[in-house]
Amino acid sequence: MAKESIKAREIKRQKLVEKYADKRAALKAAGDYIGLQKLPKNASPVRLHNRCKLTGRPKGYMRQFGISRINFREMALKGLIPGIRKASW
């Protein structure tokens, strides 16, 4: 489980990216790279990191489901994910 401060930091970054998205696109289209540099560092979408929605784990993230591989496996075993079933042969 990730620390609450780390999860909060990611949420803060996400809000900044959304806030400056239009301004960033306009500056990029105009070719104003000096203006882009004046924006906050965390306004860049490159600084975002995918994290598990349940635990905040940064590694082993599955985009299609938005959770880590560990939570995916547990939920699949319990039958909590529709259309997913553990293979056995």
C-alpha atoms as a PDB file:
ATOM      1  CA  MET A   1       0.000   0.000   0.000  1.00  0.00           C
ATOM      2  CA  ALA A   2       1.402   3.367  -1.030  1.00  0.00           C
ATOM      3  CA  LYS A   3       1.702   6.194   1.439  1.00  0.00           C
ATOM      4  CA  GLU A   4      -1.218   8.612   1.495  1.00  0.00           C
ATOM      5  CA  SER A   5       1.114  11.526   0.775  1.00  0.00           C
ATOM      6  CA  ILE A   6       2.308   9.883  -2.441  1.00  0.00           C
ATOM      7  CA  LYS A   7      -1.263   9.246  -3.597  1.00  0.00           C
ATOM      8  CA  ALA A   8      -2.198  12.842  -2.759  1.00  0.00           C
ATOM      9  CA  ARG A   9       0.800  14.130  -4.728  1.00  0.00           C
ATOM     10  CA  GLU A  10      -0.324  12.198  -7.808  1.00  0.00           C
ATOM     11  CA  ILE A  11      -3.843  13.603  -7.512  1.00  0.00           C
ATOM     12  CA  LYS A  12      -2.418  17.116  -7.203  1.00  0.00           C
ATOM     13  CA  ARG A  13      -0.330  16.581 -10.338  1.00  0.00           C
ATOM     14  CA  GLN A  14      -3.372  15.304 -12.221  1.00  0.00           C
ATOM     15  CA  LYS A  15      -5.336  18.446 -11.335  1.00  0.00           C
ATOM     16  CA  LEU A  16      -2.457  20.687 -12.462  1.00  0.00           C
ATOM     17  CA  VAL A  17      -2.193  18.850 -15.788  1.00  0.00           C
ATOM     18  CA  GLU A  18      -5.926  19.323 -16.401  1.00  0.00           C
ATOM     19  CA  LYS A  19      -5.785  22.993 -15.350  1.00  0.00           C
ATOM     20  CA  TYR A  20      -2.961  23.911 -17.755  1.00  0.00           C
ATOM     21  CA  ALA A  21      -3.869  21.579 -20.645  1.00  0.00           C
ATOM     22  CA  ASP A  22      -5.467  24.266 -22.851  1.00  0.00           C
ATOM     23  CA  LYS A  23      -2.785  26.865 -22.146  1.00  0.00           C
ATOM     24  CA  ARG A  24      -0.078  24.283 -22.760  1.00  0.00           C
ATOM     25  CA  ALA A  25      -1.592  23.265 -26.113  1.00  0.00           C
ATOM     26  CA  ALA A  26      -1.878  26.905 -27.221  1.00  0.00           C
ATOM     27  CA  LEU A  27       1.743  27.661 -26.286  1.00  0.00           C
ATOM     28  CA  LYS A  28       2.928  24.531 -28.056  1.00  0.00           C
ATOM     29  CA  ALA A  29       0.980  25.376 -31.212  1.00  0.00           C
ATOM     30  CA  ALA A  30       2.448  28.903 -31.213  1.00  0.00           C
ATOM     31  CA  GLY A  31       5.953  27.517 -30.711  1.00  0.00           C
ATOM     32  CA  ASP A  32       6.427  29.608 -27.559  1.00  0.00           C
ATOM     33  CA  TYR A  33       8.886  27.388 -25.708  1.00  0.00           C
ATOM     34  CA  ILE A  34       9.876  30.130 -23.277  1.00  0.00           C
ATOM     35  CA  GLY A  35       6.224  30.379 -22.210  1.00  0.00           C
ATOM     36  CA  LEU A  36       6.101  26.617 -21.798  1.00  0.00           C
ATOM     37  CA  GLN A  37       9.124  26.731 -19.505  1.00  0.00           C
ATOM     38  CA  LYS A  38       7.364  29.254 -17.267  1.00  0.00           C
ATOM     39  CA  LEU A  39       4.525  26.814 -16.543  1.00  0.00           C
ATOM     40  CA  PRO A  40       4.819  24.705 -13.366  1.00  0.00           C
ATOM     41  CA  LYS A  41       6.861  21.514 -13.766  1.00  0.00           C
ATOM     42  CA  ASN A  42       3.996  19.364 -12.526  1.00  0.00           C
ATOM     43  CA  ALA A  43       1.727  20.744 -15.272  1.00  0.00           C
ATOM     44  CA  SER A  44       3.482  18.456 -17.740  1.00  0.00           C
ATOM     45  CA  PRO A  45       1.583  15.202 -18.444  1.00  0.00           C
ATOM     46  CA  VAL A  46       4.913  13.351 -18.660  1.00  0.00           C
ATOM     47  CA  ARG A  47       5.291  13.649 -14.886  1.00  0.00           C
ATOM     48  CA  LEU A  48       2.129  11.632 -14.220  1.00  0.00           C
ATOM     49  CA  HIS A  49       2.524   8.010 -13.178  1.00  0.00           C
ATOM     50  CA  ASN A  50      -0.109   5.285 -13.451  1.00  0.00           C
ATOM     51  CA  ARG A  51      -1.055   3.902 -10.039  1.00  0.00           C
ATOM     52  CA  CYS A  52      -3.453   1.219  -8.843  1.00  0.00           C
ATOM     53  CA  LYS A  53      -6.815   2.738  -7.926  1.00  0.00           C
ATOM     54  CA  LEU A  54      -7.133   0.493  -4.868  1.00  0.00           C
ATOM     55  CA  THR A  55      -3.675   0.405  -3.318  1.00  0.00           C
ATOM     56  CA  GLY A  56      -1.645   3.080  -5.107  1.00  0.00           C
ATOM     57  CA  ARG A  57       0.977   0.559  -6.250  1.00  0.00           C
ATOM     58  CA  PRO A  58       3.059   2.105  -9.066  1.00  0.00           C
ATOM     59  CA  LYS A  59       4.419  -1.096 -10.609  1.00  0.00           C
ATOM     60  CA  GLY A  60       2.549  -3.903 -12.330  1.00  0.00           C
ATOM     61  CA  TYR A  61      -0.278  -1.546 -13.404  1.00  0.00           C
ATOM     62  CA  MET A  62      -2.832  -2.929 -15.875  1.00  0.00           C
ATOM     63  CA  ARG A  63      -4.245  -0.074 -17.972  1.00  0.00           C
ATOM     64  CA  GLN A  64      -7.366  -1.885 -19.113  1.00  0.00           C
ATOM     65  CA  PHE A  65      -8.558  -2.346 -15.532  1.00  0.00           C
ATOM     66  CA  GLY A  66      -6.799   0.498 -13.692  1.00  0.00           C
ATOM     67  CA  ILE A  67      -5.459  -1.799 -10.974  1.00  0.00           C
ATOM     68  CA  SER A  68      -2.216  -3.623 -10.215  1.00  0.00           C
ATOM     69  CA  ARG A  69      -1.573  -7.198 -11.289  1.00  0.00           C
ATOM     70  CA  ILE A  70      -1.792  -8.394  -7.685  1.00  0.00           C
ATOM     71  CA  ASN A  71      -5.248  -6.908  -7.089  1.00  0.00           C
ATOM     72  CA  PHE A  72      -6.329  -8.108 -10.518  1.00  0.00           C
ATOM     73  CA  ARG A  73      -5.381 -11.682  -9.641  1.00  0.00           C
ATOM     74  CA  GLU A  74      -7.166 -11.591  -6.285  1.00  0.00           C
ATOM     75  CA  MET A  75     -10.315 -10.072  -7.765  1.00  0.00           C
ATOM     76  CA  ALA A  76     -10.302 -12.546 -10.672  1.00  0.00           C
ATOM     77  CA  LEU A  77     -10.060 -15.479  -8.241  1.00  0.00           C
ATOM     78  CA  LYS A  78     -13.029 -14.137  -6.271  1.00  0.00           C
ATOM     79  CA  GLY A  79     -15.015 -13.534  -9.475  1.00  0.00           C
ATOM     80  CA  LEU A  80     -15.298  -9.788  -8.921  1.00  0.00           C
ATOM     81  CA  ILE A  81     -14.241  -8.819 -12.457  1.00  0.00           C
ATOM     82  CA  PRO A  82     -16.955  -9.534 -15.057  1.00  0.00           C
ATOM     83  CA  GLY A  83     -15.829 -11.735 -17.942  1.00  0.00           C
ATOM     84  CA  ILE A  84     -12.551 -12.756 -16.271  1.00  0.00           C
ATOM     85  CA  ARG A  85     -11.977 -16.253 -14.964  1.00  0.00           C
ATOM     86  CA  LYS A  86      -8.788 -17.932 -13.819  1.00  0.00           C
ATOM     87  CA  ALA A  87      -7.609 -20.534 -16.264  1.00  0.00           C
ATOM     88  CA  SER A  88      -7.233 -24.090 -15.032  1.00  0.00           C
ATOM     89  CA  TRP A  89      -6.461 -27.231 -17.018  1.00  0.00           C
END
